[in-house]
Amino acid sequence: MSKPSNCITVAAAKQLQNNWVATRAVDIESAMGSPDTREFLFSVAELQQFLDYIKAGASIGAQPGVRIYFAAYDNLTDDKATVFLAPTSGVTAGSPNNYTLEPLNKGIAGFPPTNY
């Protein structure tokens, strides 16, 4: 299998992460009073299972996508950031979310945060 065309170099990924930390992490830490989670791990198996779930639940002939949302827990035991992956009914910026399928959450959050 060939590498996807939209892969970036490790150096580019490190620069993107550094940009995020320099322009956002300081303000988030200041507002929260502690560092927040900023990296999340999902196994290849659970991602594949989620992709299969989306494909099976998509309309016939549809080209489904996955939209990734930043989110945050709001309770006494966990106030850290999270992400969830939401199925979409297409692959354009305006594609609607597919609300007949449930989003994926509960990845492993890295804490304290680790830079790429």
N, C-alpha and C. Protein backbone atom coordinates (compact mmCIF):
# COMPACT_ATOMS: atom_id res chain seq x y z
N MET A 1 0.85 -1.18 0.00
CA MET A 1 0.00 0.00 0.00
C MET A 1 0.89 1.24 0.00
N SER A 2 0.52 2.22 -0.77
CA SER A 2 1.32 3.44 -0.86
C SER A 2 0.92 4.44 0.22
N LYS A 3 1.81 5.36 0.47
CA LYS A 3 1.58 6.41 1.47
C LYS A 3 0.50 7.36 0.96
N PRO A 4 -0.44 7.76 1.82
CA PRO A 4 -1.45 8.73 1.40
C PRO A 4 -0.82 10.06 0.97
N SER A 5 -1.43 10.72 0.01
CA SER A 5 -0.86 11.94 -0.55
C SER A 5 -0.86 13.12 0.41
N ASN A 6 -1.69 13.07 1.45
CA ASN A 6 -1.74 14.21 2.37
C ASN A 6 -0.93 14.00 3.65
N CYS A 7 -0.02 13.03 3.65
CA CYS A 7 0.90 12.87 4.77
C CYS A 7 1.87 14.05 4.80
N ILE A 8 2.31 14.41 6.00
CA ILE A 8 3.31 15.47 6.15
C ILE A 8 4.55 14.88 6.77
N THR A 9 5.65 15.60 6.68
CA THR A 9 6.89 15.11 7.26
C THR A 9 6.84 15.17 8.78
N VAL A 10 7.71 14.41 9.42
CA VAL A 10 7.83 14.47 10.88
C VAL A 10 8.20 15.89 11.30
N ALA A 11 9.10 16.52 10.57
CA ALA A 11 9.51 17.90 10.89
C ALA A 11 8.32 18.86 10.81
N ALA A 12 7.49 18.70 9.78
CA ALA A 12 6.31 19.57 9.65
C ALA A 12 5.34 19.33 10.80
N ALA A 13 5.16 18.07 11.20
CA ALA A 13 4.27 17.74 12.31
C ALA A 13 4.79 18.36 13.61
N LYS A 14 6.09 18.26 13.83
CA LYS A 14 6.68 18.87 15.03
C LYS A 14 6.47 20.37 15.03
N GLN A 15 6.61 21.01 13.88
CA GLN A 15 6.41 22.46 13.80
C GLN A 15 4.96 22.83 14.08
N LEU A 16 4.02 22.06 13.53
CA LEU A 16 2.61 22.31 13.80
C LEU A 16 2.30 22.19 15.30
N GLN A 17 2.85 21.15 15.93
CA GLN A 17 2.65 20.96 17.37
C GLN A 17 3.27 22.11 18.15
N ASN A 18 4.48 22.50 17.79
CA ASN A 18 5.14 23.63 18.46
C ASN A 18 4.34 24.91 18.30
N ASN A 19 3.77 25.14 17.12
CA ASN A 19 2.93 26.33 16.90
C ASN A 19 1.73 26.31 17.83
N TRP A 20 1.10 25.14 17.97
CA TRP A 20 -0.08 25.03 18.83
C TRP A 20 0.30 25.31 20.29
N VAL A 21 1.38 24.71 20.74
CA VAL A 21 1.81 24.90 22.13
C VAL A 21 2.13 26.37 22.38
N ALA A 22 2.84 27.00 21.45
CA ALA A 22 3.26 28.40 21.63
C ALA A 22 2.10 29.38 21.57
N THR A 23 1.05 29.06 20.81
CA THR A 23 -0.03 30.02 20.61
C THR A 23 -1.30 29.71 21.39
N ARG A 24 -1.40 28.50 21.98
CA ARG A 24 -2.63 28.14 22.66
C ARG A 24 -2.44 27.50 24.04
N ALA A 25 -1.46 26.65 24.18
CA ALA A 25 -1.29 25.90 25.42
C ALA A 25 -1.06 26.81 26.62
N VAL A 26 -0.30 27.88 26.45
CA VAL A 26 -0.03 28.80 27.56
C VAL A 26 -1.32 29.42 28.06
N ASP A 27 -2.17 29.88 27.14
CA ASP A 27 -3.44 30.49 27.55
C ASP A 27 -4.37 29.49 28.20
N ILE A 28 -4.42 28.28 27.68
CA ILE A 28 -5.28 27.24 28.27
C ILE A 28 -4.79 26.91 29.68
N GLU A 29 -3.48 26.73 29.83
CA GLU A 29 -2.93 26.42 31.16
C GLU A 29 -3.22 27.56 32.14
N SER A 30 -3.09 28.79 31.68
CA SER A 30 -3.37 29.94 32.54
C SER A 30 -4.83 29.96 32.97
N ALA A 31 -5.74 29.71 32.03
CA ALA A 31 -7.17 29.73 32.34
C ALA A 31 -7.58 28.58 33.25
N MET A 32 -6.97 27.41 33.06
CA MET A 32 -7.35 26.23 33.84
C MET A 32 -6.58 26.12 35.15
N GLY A 33 -5.42 26.73 35.20
CA GLY A 33 -4.58 26.62 36.39
C GLY A 33 -3.69 25.39 36.38
N SER A 34 -3.69 24.64 35.28
CA SER A 34 -2.85 23.46 35.12
C SER A 34 -2.78 23.13 33.64
N PRO A 35 -1.78 22.33 33.24
CA PRO A 35 -1.72 21.91 31.83
C PRO A 35 -2.94 21.07 31.46
N ASP A 36 -3.30 21.11 30.19
CA ASP A 36 -4.41 20.30 29.72
C ASP A 36 -3.88 19.22 28.79
N THR A 37 -4.66 18.19 28.60
CA THR A 37 -4.34 17.13 27.65
C THR A 37 -4.37 17.70 26.25
N ARG A 38 -3.45 17.25 25.39
CA ARG A 38 -3.45 17.74 24.01
C ARG A 38 -3.04 16.67 23.00
N GLU A 39 -3.01 15.44 23.44
CA GLU A 39 -2.73 14.33 22.52
C GLU A 39 -3.54 13.13 22.97
N PHE A 40 -4.05 12.40 21.98
CA PHE A 40 -4.99 11.32 22.24
C PHE A 40 -4.61 10.12 21.40
N LEU A 41 -4.73 8.94 21.97
CA LEU A 41 -4.32 7.71 21.30
C LEU A 41 -5.53 6.80 21.11
N PHE A 42 -5.70 6.34 19.87
CA PHE A 42 -6.69 5.32 19.54
C PHE A 42 -5.93 4.19 18.87
N SER A 43 -6.26 2.96 19.17
CA SER A 43 -5.58 1.84 18.52
C SER A 43 -6.03 1.76 17.06
N VAL A 44 -5.18 1.18 16.23
CA VAL A 44 -5.53 0.96 14.83
C VAL A 44 -6.78 0.08 14.75
N ALA A 45 -6.87 -0.92 15.63
CA ALA A 45 -8.02 -1.83 15.62
C ALA A 45 -9.32 -1.08 15.92
N GLU A 46 -9.32 -0.19 16.92
CA GLU A 46 -10.57 0.50 17.23
C GLU A 46 -10.90 1.54 16.16
N LEU A 47 -9.89 2.15 15.54
CA LEU A 47 -10.16 3.06 14.42
C LEU A 47 -10.73 2.30 13.24
N GLN A 48 -10.18 1.12 12.94
CA GLN A 48 -10.69 0.32 11.84
C GLN A 48 -12.12 -0.12 12.11
N GLN A 49 -12.39 -0.52 13.35
CA GLN A 49 -13.75 -0.92 13.72
C GLN A 49 -14.71 0.26 13.54
N PHE A 50 -14.28 1.46 13.92
CA PHE A 50 -15.12 2.65 13.77
C PHE A 50 -15.34 2.96 12.29
N LEU A 51 -14.29 2.87 11.48
CA LEU A 51 -14.44 3.11 10.04
C LEU A 51 -15.39 2.10 9.40
N ASP A 52 -15.28 0.84 9.81
CA ASP A 52 -16.18 -0.19 9.30
C ASP A 52 -17.63 0.11 9.71
N TYR A 53 -17.82 0.57 10.94
CA TYR A 53 -19.15 0.95 11.46
C TYR A 53 -19.73 2.09 10.61
N ILE A 54 -18.90 3.08 10.29
CA ILE A 54 -19.36 4.21 9.47
C ILE A 54 -19.73 3.74 8.07
N LYS A 55 -18.87 2.94 7.47
CA LYS A 55 -19.15 2.43 6.12
C LYS A 55 -20.45 1.63 6.09
N ALA A 56 -20.65 0.78 7.09
CA ALA A 56 -21.85 -0.05 7.14
C ALA A 56 -23.11 0.78 7.37
N GLY A 57 -22.98 1.90 8.07
CA GLY A 57 -24.14 2.73 8.39
C GLY A 57 -24.39 3.86 7.40
N ALA A 58 -23.54 4.00 6.41
CA ALA A 58 -23.69 5.07 5.42
C ALA A 58 -24.77 4.71 4.40
N SER A 59 -25.35 5.73 3.83
CA SER A 59 -26.32 5.51 2.76
C SER A 59 -25.62 4.86 1.57
N ILE A 60 -26.34 4.05 0.84
CA ILE A 60 -25.78 3.38 -0.34
C ILE A 60 -25.29 4.45 -1.32
N GLY A 61 -24.08 4.30 -1.78
CA GLY A 61 -23.49 5.24 -2.73
C GLY A 61 -22.85 6.45 -2.09
N ALA A 62 -23.00 6.62 -0.78
CA ALA A 62 -22.43 7.77 -0.09
C ALA A 62 -20.94 7.58 0.11
N GLN A 63 -20.23 8.69 0.18
CA GLN A 63 -18.81 8.66 0.51
C GLN A 63 -18.68 9.31 1.89
N PRO A 64 -18.76 8.50 2.96
CA PRO A 64 -18.74 9.07 4.30
C PRO A 64 -17.36 9.60 4.68
N GLY A 65 -17.35 10.45 5.69
CA GLY A 65 -16.11 10.99 6.22
C GLY A 65 -16.13 10.96 7.74
N VAL A 66 -15.07 11.50 8.32
CA VAL A 66 -14.95 11.60 9.77
C VAL A 66 -14.52 13.02 10.10
N ARG A 67 -15.28 13.67 10.95
CA ARG A 67 -14.94 15.01 11.43
C ARG A 67 -14.44 14.86 12.87
N ILE A 68 -13.33 15.53 13.18
CA ILE A 68 -12.75 15.44 14.53
C ILE A 68 -13.05 16.74 15.27
N TYR A 69 -13.68 16.59 16.43
CA TYR A 69 -14.05 17.73 17.25
C TYR A 69 -13.19 17.79 18.51
N PHE A 70 -12.73 19.00 18.85
CA PHE A 70 -12.15 19.24 20.17
C PHE A 70 -13.32 19.29 21.15
N ALA A 71 -13.12 18.77 22.35
CA ALA A 71 -14.17 18.78 23.36
C ALA A 71 -13.51 18.81 24.74
N ALA A 72 -14.32 18.89 25.78
CA ALA A 72 -13.80 18.89 27.14
C ALA A 72 -14.80 18.24 28.07
N TYR A 73 -14.28 17.49 29.03
CA TYR A 73 -15.13 16.91 30.06
C TYR A 73 -15.49 18.03 31.03
N ASP A 74 -16.60 17.88 31.71
CA ASP A 74 -17.05 18.91 32.63
C ASP A 74 -17.62 18.26 33.88
N ASN A 75 -16.72 17.70 34.67
CA ASN A 75 -17.18 17.12 35.92
C ASN A 75 -16.06 17.20 36.95
N LEU A 76 -16.34 16.79 38.14
CA LEU A 76 -15.38 16.92 39.23
C LEU A 76 -14.20 15.98 39.11
N THR A 77 -14.35 14.87 38.40
CA THR A 77 -13.25 13.91 38.31
C THR A 77 -12.36 14.12 37.10
N ASP A 78 -12.87 14.81 36.07
CA ASP A 78 -12.07 15.01 34.86
C ASP A 78 -12.51 16.28 34.17
N ASP A 79 -11.63 17.28 34.15
CA ASP A 79 -11.95 18.53 33.47
C ASP A 79 -11.03 18.76 32.28
N LYS A 80 -10.40 17.69 31.82
CA LYS A 80 -9.42 17.80 30.73
C LYS A 80 -10.08 17.77 29.36
N ALA A 81 -9.29 18.13 28.37
CA ALA A 81 -9.73 18.12 26.98
C ALA A 81 -9.89 16.68 26.49
N THR A 82 -10.64 16.54 25.44
CA THR A 82 -10.79 15.28 24.75
C THR A 82 -11.07 15.59 23.28
N VAL A 83 -11.19 14.57 22.49
CA VAL A 83 -11.65 14.70 21.11
C VAL A 83 -12.70 13.62 20.89
N PHE A 84 -13.57 13.85 19.93
CA PHE A 84 -14.42 12.77 19.47
C PHE A 84 -14.48 12.83 17.95
N LEU A 85 -14.66 11.66 17.36
CA LEU A 85 -14.69 11.51 15.91
C LEU A 85 -16.14 11.29 15.51
N ALA A 86 -16.65 12.17 14.65
CA ALA A 86 -18.05 12.13 14.26
C ALA A 86 -18.19 11.71 12.80
N PRO A 87 -19.04 10.73 12.52
CA PRO A 87 -19.29 10.33 11.13
C PRO A 87 -19.98 11.47 10.37
N THR A 88 -19.62 11.63 9.11
CA THR A 88 -20.27 12.61 8.24
C THR A 88 -20.89 11.89 7.04
N SER A 89 -21.75 12.61 6.37
CA SER A 89 -22.42 12.04 5.19
C SER A 89 -21.71 12.39 3.89
N GLY A 90 -20.54 12.99 3.98
CA GLY A 90 -19.77 13.36 2.80
C GLY A 90 -18.38 13.82 3.21
N VAL A 91 -17.62 14.27 2.23
CA VAL A 91 -16.23 14.64 2.50
C VAL A 91 -15.90 16.05 2.02
N THR A 92 -16.86 16.96 2.14
CA THR A 92 -16.58 18.37 1.88
C THR A 92 -16.71 19.13 3.20
N ALA A 93 -16.20 20.35 3.23
CA ALA A 93 -16.26 21.14 4.46
C ALA A 93 -17.68 21.30 4.98
N GLY A 94 -18.66 21.38 4.08
CA GLY A 94 -20.05 21.56 4.47
C GLY A 94 -20.84 20.28 4.64
N SER A 95 -20.19 19.14 4.54
CA SER A 95 -20.91 17.87 4.68
C SER A 95 -21.56 17.78 6.05
N PRO A 96 -22.81 17.36 6.10
CA PRO A 96 -23.48 17.26 7.40
C PRO A 96 -22.96 16.06 8.20
N ASN A 97 -23.05 16.19 9.51
CA ASN A 97 -22.75 15.05 10.37
C ASN A 97 -23.85 14.01 10.17
N ASN A 98 -23.48 12.74 10.30
CA ASN A 98 -24.44 11.65 10.21
C ASN A 98 -24.86 11.31 11.64
N TYR A 99 -25.99 11.90 12.06
CA TYR A 99 -26.44 11.73 13.43
C TYR A 99 -27.14 10.40 13.68
N THR A 100 -27.23 9.55 12.66
CA THR A 100 -27.78 8.21 12.88
C THR A 100 -26.71 7.26 13.43
N LEU A 101 -25.44 7.69 13.37
CA LEU A 101 -24.32 6.91 13.90
C LEU A 101 -23.71 7.65 15.08
N GLU A 102 -23.22 6.91 16.05
CA GLU A 102 -22.64 7.53 17.24
C GLU A 102 -21.16 7.85 17.04
N PRO A 103 -20.70 8.98 17.62
CA PRO A 103 -19.28 9.35 17.55
C PRO A 103 -18.39 8.42 18.39
N LEU A 104 -17.11 8.44 18.09
CA LEU A 104 -16.11 7.67 18.83
C LEU A 104 -15.39 8.59 19.81
N ASN A 105 -15.24 8.15 21.04
CA ASN A 105 -14.54 8.89 22.10
C ASN A 105 -13.81 7.86 22.93
N LYS A 106 -13.27 8.25 24.02
CA LYS A 106 -12.62 7.37 24.99
C LYS A 106 -11.28 6.84 24.50
N GLY A 107 -10.55 7.66 23.77
CA GLY A 107 -9.18 7.31 23.46
C GLY A 107 -8.34 7.45 24.72
N ILE A 108 -7.09 7.15 24.62
CA ILE A 108 -6.19 7.30 25.76
C ILE A 108 -5.60 8.70 25.69
N ALA A 109 -5.86 9.49 26.71
CA ALA A 109 -5.36 10.87 26.75
C ALA A 109 -3.99 10.89 27.39
N GLY A 110 -3.07 11.58 26.76
CA GLY A 110 -1.72 11.69 27.31
C GLY A 110 -1.65 12.79 28.35
N PHE A 111 -1.30 12.42 29.57
CA PHE A 111 -1.15 13.42 30.61
C PHE A 111 -0.06 12.97 31.56
N PRO A 112 0.89 13.83 31.87
CA PRO A 112 0.97 15.19 31.35
C PRO A 112 1.21 15.18 29.84
N PRO A 113 0.92 16.32 29.18
CA PRO A 113 1.03 16.37 27.73
C PRO A 113 2.44 16.07 27.24
N THR A 114 2.52 15.38 26.13
CA THR A 114 3.79 15.06 25.50
C THR A 114 3.82 15.74 24.13
N ASN A 115 4.86 16.49 23.87
CA ASN A 115 4.98 17.09 22.54
C ASN A 115 5.34 16.03 21.52
N TYR A 116 4.93 16.26 20.28
CA TYR A 116 5.22 15.33 19.19
C TYR A 116 6.71 15.33 18.90
